[in-house]
Protein backbone atom coordinates (compact mmCIF):
# COMPACT_ATOMS: atom_id res chain seq x y z
CA MET A 1 18.14 81.17 41.25
CA SER A 2 15.35 81.42 43.83
CA ASP A 3 12.49 83.94 43.88
CA LEU A 4 12.29 84.13 40.09
CA ARG A 5 9.95 86.70 38.61
CA LYS A 6 6.87 85.75 36.63
CA VAL A 7 4.86 87.62 34.02
CA SER A 8 2.14 89.76 35.60
CA ARG A 9 0.86 91.14 32.30
CA ASP A 10 1.36 90.29 28.61
CA ILE A 11 0.63 93.23 26.30
CA LEU A 12 0.57 93.19 22.49
CA SER A 13 2.15 96.41 21.22
CA ILE A 14 -0.01 98.52 18.91
CA GLU A 15 0.76 99.99 15.52
CA ALA A 16 1.37 103.73 15.73
CA SER A 17 3.34 106.53 14.10
CA ASP A 18 5.47 109.37 15.45
CA GLY A 19 7.75 112.13 14.24
CA ALA A 20 6.86 113.03 10.65
CA GLY A 21 5.08 109.73 10.11
CA VAL A 22 7.54 107.00 11.13
CA LYS A 23 5.63 103.74 11.55
CA LEU A 24 6.34 101.77 14.71
CA ARG A 25 4.87 99.56 17.41
CA ARG A 26 4.18 101.13 20.82
CA SER A 27 3.70 99.31 24.11
CA ILE A 28 4.51 101.57 27.07
CA GLY A 29 2.98 104.99 26.44
CA SER A 30 -0.13 103.58 24.73
CA GLU A 31 -3.73 103.30 25.84
CA MET A 32 -2.89 99.81 27.07
CA ILE A 33 -0.33 101.10 29.59
CA SER A 34 0.42 104.80 29.90
CA GLU A 35 3.60 104.39 31.97
CA LEU A 36 5.56 101.87 33.99
CA ASP A 37 7.54 103.84 36.58
CA PRO A 38 10.25 104.89 35.76
CA PHE A 39 9.57 104.07 32.09
CA LEU A 40 7.38 106.43 30.08
CA LEU A 41 7.44 105.02 26.56
CA LEU A 42 8.72 102.08 24.55
CA ASP A 43 8.62 102.14 20.74
CA ASN A 44 9.89 99.38 18.46
CA PHE A 45 10.45 100.48 14.86
CA GLY A 46 11.28 98.00 12.14
CA THR A 47 10.58 97.99 8.41
CA GLU A 48 12.17 97.48 5.02
CA ASN A 49 9.87 100.05 3.41
CA PRO A 50 11.55 103.49 3.24
CA ASP A 51 8.14 105.17 3.12
CA ASP A 52 7.65 104.00 6.72
CA TYR A 53 10.75 105.77 8.05
CA ILE A 54 12.17 108.23 5.52
CA ALA A 55 10.43 111.32 7.02
CA GLY A 56 12.22 110.68 10.32
CA PHE A 57 11.91 112.78 13.44
CA PRO A 58 12.51 116.48 12.56
CA SER A 59 13.57 118.98 15.25
CA HIS A 60 11.54 118.66 18.46
CA PRO A 61 12.10 119.53 22.13
CA HIS A 62 12.42 117.47 25.32
CA ARG A 63 12.58 118.39 28.99
CA GLY A 64 12.54 116.43 32.25
CA PHE A 65 13.44 112.88 31.17
CA GLU A 66 15.85 110.69 29.20
CA THR A 67 15.55 109.19 25.72
CA VAL A 68 17.35 105.97 24.85
CA THR A 69 17.84 104.97 21.21
CA TYR A 70 19.09 101.46 20.46
CA MET A 71 19.70 100.75 16.78
CA ILE A 72 19.38 97.16 15.58
CA GLU A 73 19.64 97.83 11.83
CA GLY A 74 20.08 100.94 9.71
CA LEU A 75 21.56 104.41 10.13
CA MET A 76 20.09 107.43 11.92
CA ARG A 77 21.67 110.90 12.11
CA HIS A 78 21.09 112.91 15.28
CA LYS A 79 21.62 116.65 15.60
CA ASP A 80 20.65 119.03 18.39
CA SER A 81 20.73 122.46 19.99
CA THR A 82 23.89 121.68 21.99
CA GLY A 83 25.86 121.34 18.74
CA ALA A 84 26.12 117.56 19.01
CA GLU A 85 25.80 115.61 15.76
CA GLY A 86 26.56 112.09 14.63
CA VAL A 87 25.28 108.88 13.10
CA LEU A 88 23.85 105.95 15.04
CA GLY A 89 24.54 102.66 13.26
CA PRO A 90 23.60 99.02 13.84
CA GLY A 91 24.22 98.04 17.46
CA SER A 92 24.88 101.57 18.70
CA VAL A 93 23.23 103.19 21.73
CA GLN A 94 22.45 106.78 22.60
CA TRP A 95 21.36 107.59 26.16
CA MET A 96 20.33 111.24 26.10
CA THR A 97 19.53 113.06 29.33
CA ALA A 98 17.35 115.95 28.18
CA GLY A 99 17.36 117.59 31.63
CA ARG A 100 16.36 121.27 31.52
CA GLY A 101 15.82 121.22 27.78
CA ILE A 102 17.14 120.21 24.41
CA VAL A 103 15.92 120.45 20.81
CA HIS A 104 17.05 117.65 18.53
CA SER A 105 16.30 115.73 15.36
CA GLU A 106 16.76 112.12 14.33
CA MET A 107 16.74 111.59 10.58
CA PRO A 108 17.46 108.46 8.48
CA GLU A 109 20.90 108.35 6.92
CA GLN A 110 19.62 105.93 4.26
CA ARG A 111 16.97 105.90 1.56
CA GLU A 112 16.57 102.15 1.21
CA GLY A 113 17.08 98.98 3.20
CA ARG A 114 15.83 97.87 6.59
CA MET A 115 15.79 100.14 9.64
CA SER A 116 14.91 98.80 13.09
CA GLY A 117 15.50 99.54 16.74
CA PHE A 118 14.00 100.86 19.96
CA GLN A 119 13.25 104.18 21.60
CA LEU A 120 12.80 104.10 25.38
CA TRP A 121 11.86 107.07 27.55
CA VAL A 122 13.06 107.02 31.16
CA ASN A 123 11.80 109.50 33.74
CA LEU A 124 14.08 111.66 35.87
CA PRO A 125 13.55 112.38 39.59
CA ALA A 126 12.51 115.95 40.45
CA LYS A 127 16.00 116.85 41.66
CA ASP A 128 17.47 116.02 38.22
CA LYS A 129 14.80 117.33 35.85
CA MET A 130 16.56 120.67 35.33
CA CYS A 131 20.10 119.28 35.08
CA PRO A 132 22.26 120.25 32.07
CA PRO A 133 21.61 118.08 29.00
CA ARG A 134 24.15 115.34 28.31
CA TYR A 135 24.74 112.41 25.98
CA GLN A 136 26.25 108.99 26.27
CA ASN A 137 26.87 107.91 22.67
CA ILE A 138 28.04 104.30 22.54
CA ASP A 139 29.52 102.82 19.36
CA PRO A 140 28.67 99.16 18.56
CA GLU A 141 32.17 97.96 19.33
CA ASP A 142 31.97 99.53 22.80
CA VAL A 143 28.83 97.64 23.82
CA SER A 144 29.78 94.80 26.17
CA VAL A 145 29.10 91.31 24.77
CA VAL A 146 29.05 87.93 26.49
CA ASP A 147 28.11 84.40 25.42
CA ILE A 148 26.65 82.16 28.10
CA GLY A 149 25.79 78.69 26.88
CA ARG A 150 23.28 79.08 24.05
CA ALA A 151 22.62 82.76 24.80
CA HIS A 152 24.30 85.79 23.23
CA ILE A 153 23.95 88.93 25.34
CA ARG A 154 24.68 92.57 24.52
CA VAL A 155 24.95 94.60 27.73
CA LEU A 156 23.96 98.23 27.25
CA ALA A 157 23.51 99.10 30.92
CA GLY A 158 23.91 97.08 34.11
CA THR A 159 25.97 94.00 34.86
CA VAL A 160 25.93 90.42 33.59
CA ASP A 161 27.70 87.53 35.34
CA GLY A 162 29.75 86.01 32.52
CA PRO A 163 31.86 82.83 32.46
CA GLU A 164 34.97 84.89 33.24
CA GLY A 165 33.45 87.35 35.70
CA GLU A 166 31.26 90.42 35.63
CA VAL A 167 30.54 92.12 32.31
CA VAL A 168 29.52 95.76 32.75
CA GLY A 169 27.57 97.82 30.24
CA PRO A 170 28.99 101.14 28.96
CA VAL A 171 26.07 103.37 30.05
CA THR A 172 26.71 104.70 33.56
CA GLY A 173 25.64 107.44 35.98
CA ILE A 174 21.87 107.09 35.45
CA ALA A 175 19.59 108.00 38.36
CA THR A 176 17.28 104.99 38.01
CA ASP A 177 20.16 102.44 38.14
CA PRO A 178 18.96 100.75 34.94
CA ILE A 179 19.54 97.35 33.41
CA TYR A 180 19.21 97.15 29.63
CA ILE A 181 20.33 93.97 27.88
CA ASP A 182 19.64 92.42 24.47
CA VAL A 183 19.32 88.63 24.72
CA THR A 184 19.49 86.35 21.68
CA LEU A 185 18.63 82.69 22.33
CA VAL A 186 19.43 79.98 19.81
CA PRO A 187 16.98 77.03 19.68
CA GLY A 188 16.96 75.37 23.08
CA GLY A 189 18.78 78.30 24.67
CA SER A 190 18.22 79.66 28.16
CA TYR A 191 19.50 82.54 30.26
CA SER A 192 18.89 83.61 33.88
CA HIS A 193 19.53 87.19 34.96
CA ALA A 194 19.59 88.60 38.49
CA LEU A 195 17.41 91.67 39.07
CA PRO A 196 17.39 94.02 42.08
CA GLU A 197 14.31 93.48 44.19
CA GLY A 198 11.97 96.44 43.88
CA HIS A 199 13.12 97.37 40.37
CA THR A 200 10.40 97.62 37.74
CA ALA A 201 11.24 95.13 34.98
CA PHE A 202 9.93 94.06 31.58
CA ALA A 203 10.94 92.04 28.54
CA TYR A 204 9.98 92.88 24.96
CA VAL A 205 10.24 90.12 22.35
CA PHE A 206 11.13 91.24 18.81
CA GLU A 207 12.20 87.98 17.19
CA GLY A 208 10.59 84.56 17.55
CA THR A 209 8.99 83.44 20.81
CA VAL A 210 10.68 83.66 24.19
CA ASN A 211 9.51 81.95 27.37
CA VAL A 212 9.77 84.64 30.05
CA GLY A 213 9.42 83.50 33.65
CA GLY A 214 7.44 80.45 32.58
CA SER A 215 5.14 82.24 30.09
CA ALA A 216 5.46 82.02 26.29
CA ILE A 217 5.76 85.58 24.95
CA ASP A 218 5.34 86.09 21.22
CA LYS A 219 6.96 88.66 18.93
CA HIS A 220 5.79 92.27 19.46
CA HIS A 221 4.62 91.51 23.01
CA LEU A 222 5.66 93.28 26.22
CA ALA A 223 5.94 91.09 29.33
CA ILE A 224 5.71 93.03 32.60
CA LEU A 225 7.36 91.13 35.44
CA THR A 226 6.42 90.60 39.06
CA ASP A 227 8.93 91.49 41.77
CA GLY A 228 11.71 89.06 42.67
CA LYS A 229 15.43 88.44 42.51
CA GLY A 230 15.77 87.41 38.88
CA VAL A 231 14.15 86.08 35.71
CA GLU A 232 14.74 83.16 33.37
CA LEU A 233 14.43 83.39 29.59
CA THR A 234 14.24 80.29 27.38
CA SER A 235 13.31 79.55 23.77
CA GLU A 236 12.62 76.23 22.07
CA ALA A 237 12.84 77.56 18.51
CA GLY A 238 15.06 80.58 19.13
CA GLY A 239 14.16 84.18 19.83
CA ARG A 240 15.38 87.61 20.83
CA ALA A 241 14.24 90.08 23.46
CA ILE A 242 15.35 93.13 25.36
CA LEU A 243 15.26 92.87 29.16
CA VAL A 244 14.97 96.23 30.93
CA ALA A 245 14.74 97.17 34.60
CA GLY A 246 14.99 100.36 36.63
CA ARG A 247 14.38 101.77 40.08
CA PRO A 248 10.90 103.34 40.39
CA ILE A 249 10.88 107.08 41.16
CA GLY A 250 7.50 107.23 42.90
CA GLU A 251 6.82 110.92 42.21
CA PRO A 252 3.89 112.68 40.52
CA VAL A 253 4.08 112.70 36.73
CA ALA A 254 2.82 115.68 34.71
CA ARG A 255 3.13 114.96 31.02
CA TYR A 256 2.52 117.06 27.92
CA GLY A 257 3.95 115.74 24.67
CA PRO A 258 7.75 116.02 24.85
CA PHE A 259 7.77 117.49 28.39
CA VAL A 260 7.61 115.37 31.56
CA MET A 261 7.63 117.22 34.88
CA ASN A 262 6.05 116.87 38.35
CA SER A 263 3.30 119.49 38.11
CA PHE A 264 1.16 121.29 35.55
CA ASP A 265 2.80 124.61 36.50
CA GLU A 266 6.18 123.13 35.55
CA ILE A 267 4.72 121.97 32.24
CA GLN A 268 3.45 125.48 31.53
CA GLN A 269 6.92 126.84 32.29
CA ALA A 270 8.50 124.29 29.94
CA VAL A 271 6.14 125.32 27.12
CA GLU A 272 6.91 129.01 27.74
CA ASP A 273 10.66 128.39 27.90
CA PHE A 274 10.57 126.53 24.60
CA ARG A 275 8.38 129.20 22.98
CA THR A 276 10.79 131.98 24.05
CA GLY A 277 13.94 130.06 23.12
CA ASN A 278 15.14 129.43 26.68
CA PHE A 279 16.21 125.83 26.13
C-alpha cells in the first residue's frame, strides 16, 4: 500500500474520572488535546476494582453529538428518556445519536470482576444536531469478525478487505462516515488498513505495544495519524489497538459539558431546554 500514514503525535492518556466517580484514562478531550475533528472525547476504562466503577454514570443529558460505547469486558445497563433499556456485554457496541436531546444512564450490571471498554464522542454537523435521538445497539455476535494472517479484527464500523471479500461493520448511516475497528495482533503479526484520504484517524493501544505507521506505540497511548491512503500496524510481542477514522466536519464547536453545538446561543438554549424538560 502506497502513501501510508505516519504518526504525527503520540499522546499518553491521563488518569481521570467521570460520572459518579468512574476511574478511566482520557486522551481526546483532555488538556493534551481538546478535540480531534470530528472526535470530541475518547475514554478508556479498565479495572478489576469495583470501587473504580460501581458508582457508574447516573442520569445525565446529551445534545448535539453521538456517544459510542464499546465494551471489552463486563456488563453495563443503559436506560434513557426514550424508554430504551438494555445491557451491554463483552464485545457489544452502542452507537447513540443524541441529536436534539436525550437523558440516559449507564450503570454497572455487576458488583465484582473486571470491567473495561471505550467511550468515544463523535460530533454531528449543524444540519443533524437537532435530529431525533436514535440508537444502534449491536450484540457481540453481530459484530463482523475477520482473521487476516496473524491479525484478528472486529469491525464495528467501516469495511475491511478480508480473504473472502469485503467485511462490513454493523454500524451504518453515520454522518462522518466512520471507521472503527479493533485489531488484535499475535506476536509477529501485521495488518494494513486502507483509509479515505482527508479522514481524521488515530489508533489507541490498550494491550501490549503496537507499531503504528513505523512508530512504536505503548499501552495507554493515542497515536494521531498524518493524512494518507492507509496505515500499517505490526507488533513483535503482540498487542491490541482500536483504529478509528472519520470525516472532519469543519464547523465551529461550542461545548458545555454534555452539550456540543455551533454557538454559545445554542448552548444556552440547550441548557434551558434541559432545565424545562424539553428534551
